[in-house]
């Protein structure tokens, strides 16, 4: 079974490669910004969940665009990575990032009220 270090390295590599692919090869609606917040590769390196945040667009439509392009994205990753096995990728909205933003907004609001 691969070490945690190898999985972490693969997480970082996938995030870097996929960020470039999404920026260069996937067309999103105008004024929509998609970022990869984190990558979670399974311990056996067979699967990778790519967590994204969407700004300025509908999350569901972005997931649909990614689903339409998944074959090309996966093929590009398959050609780029030298490691085997290459995980099968899946995109999900990062709900933790959404929760983090809500907490940050709440804290900022509390701080603002305290200053008044």
N, C-alpha and C. Protein backbone atom coordinates (compact mmCIF):
# COMPACT_ATOMS: atom_id res chain seq x y z
N UNK A 1 0.85 -1.19 0.00
CA UNK A 1 0.00 0.00 0.00
C UNK A 1 0.89 1.24 0.00
N UNK A 2 0.58 2.24 -0.80
CA UNK A 2 1.43 3.42 -0.89
C UNK A 2 1.46 4.20 0.41
N UNK A 3 2.58 4.83 0.64
CA UNK A 3 2.71 5.62 1.86
C UNK A 3 1.87 6.89 1.77
N UNK A 4 1.60 7.45 2.95
CA UNK A 4 0.83 8.70 2.99
C UNK A 4 1.57 9.81 2.25
N UNK A 5 2.87 9.78 2.33
CA UNK A 5 3.69 10.79 1.66
C UNK A 5 3.48 10.75 0.15
N UNK A 6 3.41 9.56 -0.42
CA UNK A 6 3.19 9.44 -1.87
C UNK A 6 1.80 9.95 -2.25
N UNK A 7 0.82 9.66 -1.42
CA UNK A 7 -0.55 10.12 -1.69
C UNK A 7 -0.60 11.65 -1.61
N UNK A 8 0.06 12.23 -0.60
CA UNK A 8 0.09 13.68 -0.47
C UNK A 8 0.78 14.33 -1.67
N UNK A 9 1.86 13.72 -2.11
CA UNK A 9 2.58 14.23 -3.28
C UNK A 9 1.69 14.17 -4.52
N UNK A 10 0.95 13.08 -4.66
CA UNK A 10 0.03 12.93 -5.79
C UNK A 10 -1.10 13.96 -5.70
N UNK A 11 -1.60 14.21 -4.49
CA UNK A 11 -2.62 15.26 -4.29
C UNK A 11 -2.13 16.59 -4.83
N UNK A 12 -0.91 16.96 -4.44
CA UNK A 12 -0.34 18.24 -4.87
C UNK A 12 -0.13 18.28 -6.38
N UNK A 13 0.39 17.20 -6.93
CA UNK A 13 0.65 17.14 -8.37
C UNK A 13 -0.65 17.24 -9.17
N UNK A 14 -1.67 16.51 -8.73
CA UNK A 14 -2.96 16.58 -9.41
C UNK A 14 -3.56 17.98 -9.34
N UNK A 15 -3.46 18.60 -8.18
CA UNK A 15 -4.02 19.95 -8.04
C UNK A 15 -3.33 20.91 -9.00
N UNK A 16 -2.02 20.82 -9.09
CA UNK A 16 -1.28 21.70 -10.00
C UNK A 16 -1.64 21.44 -11.46
N UNK A 17 -1.63 20.18 -11.87
CA UNK A 17 -1.92 19.84 -13.27
C UNK A 17 -3.36 20.18 -13.65
N UNK A 18 -4.29 19.84 -12.77
CA UNK A 18 -5.70 20.11 -13.08
C UNK A 18 -6.00 21.60 -13.11
N UNK A 19 -5.35 22.36 -12.26
CA UNK A 19 -5.55 23.81 -12.29
C UNK A 19 -5.16 24.37 -13.65
N UNK A 20 -4.05 23.89 -14.18
CA UNK A 20 -3.61 24.35 -15.51
C UNK A 20 -4.57 23.89 -16.60
N UNK A 21 -5.02 22.66 -16.52
CA UNK A 21 -5.95 22.13 -17.52
C UNK A 21 -7.25 22.92 -17.51
N UNK A 22 -7.81 23.16 -16.32
CA UNK A 22 -9.07 23.91 -16.23
C UNK A 22 -8.91 25.33 -16.76
N UNK A 23 -7.78 25.93 -16.48
CA UNK A 23 -7.55 27.30 -16.93
C UNK A 23 -7.40 27.37 -18.45
N UNK A 24 -6.70 26.42 -19.03
CA UNK A 24 -6.37 26.49 -20.46
C UNK A 24 -7.37 25.81 -21.38
N UNK A 25 -8.01 24.75 -20.91
CA UNK A 25 -8.74 23.90 -21.84
C UNK A 25 -10.24 23.78 -21.61
N UNK A 26 -10.72 24.25 -20.49
CA UNK A 26 -12.16 24.15 -20.22
C UNK A 26 -12.75 25.55 -20.27
N UNK A 27 -13.81 25.69 -21.06
CA UNK A 27 -14.45 26.99 -21.19
C UNK A 27 -15.62 27.10 -20.20
N UNK A 28 -15.47 28.04 -19.28
CA UNK A 28 -16.52 28.33 -18.31
C UNK A 28 -17.23 29.61 -18.74
N UNK A 29 -18.45 29.83 -18.25
CA UNK A 29 -19.15 31.07 -18.60
C UNK A 29 -18.33 32.30 -18.21
N UNK A 30 -18.56 33.38 -18.94
CA UNK A 30 -17.85 34.63 -18.67
C UNK A 30 -18.11 35.07 -17.23
N UNK A 31 -17.10 35.66 -16.61
CA UNK A 31 -17.16 36.16 -15.23
C UNK A 31 -17.36 35.05 -14.21
N UNK A 32 -16.98 33.84 -14.55
CA UNK A 32 -17.04 32.72 -13.61
C UNK A 32 -15.62 32.29 -13.30
N UNK A 33 -15.35 32.13 -12.03
CA UNK A 33 -14.01 31.76 -11.57
C UNK A 33 -14.11 30.44 -10.82
N UNK A 34 -13.37 29.44 -11.28
CA UNK A 34 -13.38 28.11 -10.66
C UNK A 34 -11.99 27.84 -10.11
N UNK A 35 -11.93 27.48 -8.83
CA UNK A 35 -10.64 27.14 -8.22
C UNK A 35 -10.70 25.75 -7.62
N UNK A 36 -9.58 25.08 -7.65
CA UNK A 36 -9.46 23.79 -6.98
C UNK A 36 -8.98 24.08 -5.57
N UNK A 37 -9.80 23.74 -4.59
CA UNK A 37 -9.46 24.04 -3.21
C UNK A 37 -8.64 22.93 -2.57
N UNK A 38 -8.89 21.70 -2.97
CA UNK A 38 -8.12 20.58 -2.44
C UNK A 38 -8.37 19.34 -3.28
N UNK A 39 -7.49 18.38 -3.12
CA UNK A 39 -7.59 17.11 -3.84
C UNK A 39 -7.46 16.00 -2.81
N UNK A 40 -8.30 14.99 -2.91
CA UNK A 40 -8.24 13.85 -2.00
C UNK A 40 -8.13 12.56 -2.82
N UNK A 41 -6.92 12.00 -2.84
CA UNK A 41 -6.68 10.74 -3.54
C UNK A 41 -6.91 9.61 -2.55
N UNK A 42 -7.58 8.56 -3.00
CA UNK A 42 -7.82 7.40 -2.14
C UNK A 42 -6.49 6.75 -1.80
N UNK A 43 -6.42 6.05 -0.65
CA UNK A 43 -5.16 5.42 -0.24
C UNK A 43 -4.58 4.46 -1.28
N UNK A 44 -5.44 3.81 -2.05
CA UNK A 44 -4.95 2.89 -3.08
C UNK A 44 -4.63 3.60 -4.40
N UNK A 45 -4.82 4.90 -4.44
CA UNK A 45 -4.54 5.78 -5.59
C UNK A 45 -5.38 5.44 -6.82
N UNK A 46 -6.52 4.83 -6.63
CA UNK A 46 -7.40 4.50 -7.75
C UNK A 46 -8.37 5.63 -8.08
N UNK A 47 -8.70 6.45 -7.08
CA UNK A 47 -9.70 7.51 -7.26
C UNK A 47 -9.20 8.81 -6.65
N UNK A 48 -9.63 9.92 -7.26
CA UNK A 48 -9.28 11.24 -6.73
C UNK A 48 -10.52 12.13 -6.79
N UNK A 49 -10.86 12.70 -5.65
CA UNK A 49 -11.95 13.67 -5.60
C UNK A 49 -11.32 15.06 -5.65
N UNK A 50 -11.76 15.83 -6.62
CA UNK A 50 -11.24 17.18 -6.82
C UNK A 50 -12.30 18.15 -6.30
N UNK A 51 -11.99 18.85 -5.23
CA UNK A 51 -12.93 19.78 -4.63
C UNK A 51 -12.72 21.16 -5.23
N UNK A 52 -13.82 21.78 -5.65
CA UNK A 52 -13.73 23.09 -6.31
C UNK A 52 -14.62 24.10 -5.61
N UNK A 53 -14.26 25.37 -5.79
CA UNK A 53 -15.11 26.50 -5.40
C UNK A 53 -15.45 27.25 -6.66
N UNK A 54 -16.68 27.75 -6.72
CA UNK A 54 -17.16 28.47 -7.89
C UNK A 54 -17.57 29.87 -7.45
N UNK A 55 -17.03 30.87 -8.16
CA UNK A 55 -17.37 32.26 -7.88
C UNK A 55 -17.97 32.87 -9.14
N UNK A 56 -19.11 33.49 -9.00
CA UNK A 56 -19.71 34.19 -10.13
C UNK A 56 -20.49 33.31 -11.08
N UNK A 57 -20.83 32.12 -10.66
CA UNK A 57 -21.58 31.23 -11.54
C UNK A 57 -22.35 30.20 -10.74
N UNK A 58 -23.23 29.50 -11.41
CA UNK A 58 -24.03 28.46 -10.76
C UNK A 58 -23.19 27.19 -10.62
N UNK A 59 -23.12 26.68 -9.41
CA UNK A 59 -22.31 25.50 -9.14
C UNK A 59 -22.72 24.31 -10.00
N UNK A 60 -24.02 24.08 -10.11
CA UNK A 60 -24.50 22.92 -10.86
C UNK A 60 -24.10 23.00 -12.33
N UNK A 61 -24.18 24.19 -12.92
CA UNK A 61 -23.80 24.32 -14.33
C UNK A 61 -22.30 24.09 -14.52
N UNK A 62 -21.50 24.48 -13.55
CA UNK A 62 -20.06 24.24 -13.63
C UNK A 62 -19.77 22.75 -13.53
N UNK A 63 -20.47 22.06 -12.62
CA UNK A 63 -20.29 20.61 -12.52
C UNK A 63 -20.71 19.92 -13.81
N UNK A 64 -21.74 20.42 -14.46
CA UNK A 64 -22.17 19.86 -15.75
C UNK A 64 -21.12 20.07 -16.83
N UNK A 65 -20.52 21.25 -16.85
CA UNK A 65 -19.45 21.53 -17.82
C UNK A 65 -18.28 20.58 -17.57
N UNK A 66 -17.91 20.41 -16.31
CA UNK A 66 -16.81 19.50 -15.99
C UNK A 66 -17.15 18.06 -16.37
N UNK A 67 -18.40 17.66 -16.13
CA UNK A 67 -18.83 16.30 -16.50
C UNK A 67 -18.73 16.09 -18.01
N UNK A 68 -19.10 17.10 -18.79
CA UNK A 68 -19.00 16.99 -20.25
C UNK A 68 -17.56 16.88 -20.72
N UNK A 69 -16.64 17.47 -19.95
CA UNK A 69 -15.23 17.50 -20.33
C UNK A 69 -14.39 16.47 -19.60
N UNK A 70 -15.01 15.63 -18.78
CA UNK A 70 -14.24 14.73 -17.92
C UNK A 70 -13.35 13.78 -18.71
N UNK A 71 -13.82 13.28 -19.84
CA UNK A 71 -13.01 12.34 -20.63
C UNK A 71 -11.72 13.02 -21.09
N UNK A 72 -11.83 14.21 -21.65
CA UNK A 72 -10.64 14.93 -22.12
C UNK A 72 -9.71 15.31 -20.97
N UNK A 73 -10.29 15.71 -19.85
CA UNK A 73 -9.48 16.06 -18.68
C UNK A 73 -8.73 14.83 -18.19
N UNK A 74 -9.44 13.70 -18.09
CA UNK A 74 -8.81 12.47 -17.62
C UNK A 74 -7.70 12.02 -18.58
N UNK A 75 -7.96 12.11 -19.88
CA UNK A 75 -6.94 11.72 -20.86
C UNK A 75 -5.70 12.59 -20.74
N UNK A 76 -5.90 13.86 -20.52
CA UNK A 76 -4.76 14.78 -20.35
C UNK A 76 -3.94 14.41 -19.12
N UNK A 77 -4.63 14.10 -18.04
CA UNK A 77 -3.94 13.67 -16.82
C UNK A 77 -3.19 12.36 -17.07
N UNK A 78 -3.83 11.44 -17.76
CA UNK A 78 -3.21 10.15 -18.05
C UNK A 78 -1.91 10.33 -18.83
N UNK A 79 -1.87 11.28 -19.75
CA UNK A 79 -0.66 11.52 -20.55
C UNK A 79 0.41 12.27 -19.75
N UNK A 80 -0.03 13.09 -18.80
CA UNK A 80 0.90 13.95 -18.08
C UNK A 80 1.61 13.24 -16.93
N UNK A 81 0.85 12.48 -16.15
CA UNK A 81 1.43 11.86 -14.96
C UNK A 81 2.27 10.65 -15.33
N UNK A 82 3.38 10.52 -14.65
CA UNK A 82 4.25 9.38 -14.88
C UNK A 82 3.98 8.26 -13.88
N UNK A 83 3.27 8.59 -12.82
CA UNK A 83 2.99 7.61 -11.78
C UNK A 83 1.87 6.68 -12.20
N UNK A 84 1.91 5.47 -11.74
CA UNK A 84 0.84 4.51 -11.97
C UNK A 84 0.45 3.92 -10.61
N UNK A 85 -0.78 3.63 -10.37
CA UNK A 85 -1.93 3.88 -11.23
C UNK A 85 -2.28 5.36 -11.24
N UNK A 86 -2.97 5.76 -12.28
CA UNK A 86 -3.46 7.13 -12.37
C UNK A 86 -4.90 7.12 -11.88
N UNK A 87 -5.19 7.93 -10.86
CA UNK A 87 -6.54 7.90 -10.29
C UNK A 87 -7.61 8.40 -11.25
N UNK A 88 -8.78 7.81 -11.13
CA UNK A 88 -9.95 8.28 -11.86
C UNK A 88 -10.47 9.50 -11.11
N UNK A 89 -10.63 10.62 -11.83
CA UNK A 89 -10.99 11.86 -11.16
C UNK A 89 -12.50 12.11 -11.15
N UNK A 90 -12.92 12.80 -10.10
CA UNK A 90 -14.31 13.17 -9.91
C UNK A 90 -14.33 14.56 -9.28
N UNK A 91 -15.19 15.43 -9.77
CA UNK A 91 -15.27 16.79 -9.24
C UNK A 91 -16.46 16.93 -8.29
N UNK A 92 -16.24 17.68 -7.21
CA UNK A 92 -17.29 17.99 -6.24
C UNK A 92 -17.13 19.42 -5.77
N UNK A 93 -18.24 20.03 -5.38
CA UNK A 93 -18.19 21.36 -4.78
C UNK A 93 -17.64 21.21 -3.37
N UNK A 94 -16.73 22.08 -2.99
CA UNK A 94 -16.11 22.02 -1.66
C UNK A 94 -17.03 22.70 -0.65
N UNK A 95 -17.79 21.90 0.05
CA UNK A 95 -18.72 22.44 1.06
C UNK A 95 -17.97 22.98 2.27
N UNK A 96 -16.79 22.43 2.57
CA UNK A 96 -15.99 22.95 3.68
C UNK A 96 -15.57 24.39 3.41
N UNK A 97 -15.24 24.68 2.17
CA UNK A 97 -14.85 26.05 1.79
C UNK A 97 -16.04 26.99 1.99
N UNK A 98 -17.22 26.55 1.64
CA UNK A 98 -18.42 27.37 1.83
C UNK A 98 -18.64 27.63 3.32
N UNK A 99 -18.50 26.59 4.14
CA UNK A 99 -18.67 26.76 5.59
C UNK A 99 -17.62 27.71 6.15
N UNK A 100 -16.39 27.59 5.66
CA UNK A 100 -15.31 28.47 6.10
C UNK A 100 -15.64 29.93 5.79
N UNK A 101 -16.16 30.17 4.60
CA UNK A 101 -16.52 31.54 4.21
C UNK A 101 -17.63 32.09 5.10
N UNK A 102 -18.61 31.25 5.44
CA UNK A 102 -19.70 31.69 6.31
C UNK A 102 -19.17 32.06 7.69
N UNK A 103 -18.28 31.23 8.23
CA UNK A 103 -17.69 31.51 9.54
C UNK A 103 -16.88 32.80 9.50
N UNK A 104 -16.08 32.97 8.44
CA UNK A 104 -15.28 34.19 8.32
C UNK A 104 -16.16 35.43 8.24
N UNK A 105 -17.25 35.36 7.49
CA UNK A 105 -18.17 36.49 7.39
C UNK A 105 -18.81 36.79 8.74
N UNK A 106 -19.19 35.74 9.46
CA UNK A 106 -19.80 35.91 10.78
C UNK A 106 -18.81 36.55 11.75
N UNK A 107 -17.57 36.09 11.73
CA UNK A 107 -16.56 36.67 12.61
C UNK A 107 -16.29 38.14 12.26
N UNK A 108 -16.24 38.44 10.98
CA UNK A 108 -16.03 39.83 10.56
C UNK A 108 -17.19 40.71 11.02
N UNK A 109 -18.41 40.19 10.92
CA UNK A 109 -19.59 40.94 11.35
C UNK A 109 -19.56 41.16 12.86
N UNK A 110 -19.19 40.14 13.62
CA UNK A 110 -19.08 40.29 15.08
C UNK A 110 -18.01 41.32 15.44
N UNK A 111 -16.90 41.26 14.75
CA UNK A 111 -15.82 42.22 15.01
C UNK A 111 -16.29 43.64 14.70
N UNK A 112 -17.00 43.80 13.60
CA UNK A 112 -17.52 45.11 13.21
C UNK A 112 -18.49 45.64 14.26
N UNK A 113 -19.39 44.76 14.74
CA UNK A 113 -20.36 45.17 15.76
C UNK A 113 -19.66 45.54 17.07
N UNK A 114 -18.62 44.80 17.40
CA UNK A 114 -17.88 45.05 18.63
C UNK A 114 -17.19 46.41 18.58
N UNK A 115 -16.73 46.79 17.40
CA UNK A 115 -16.04 48.08 17.23
C UNK A 115 -17.01 49.25 17.33
N UNK A 116 -18.29 49.03 17.11
CA UNK A 116 -19.29 50.11 17.18
C UNK A 116 -19.63 50.44 18.57
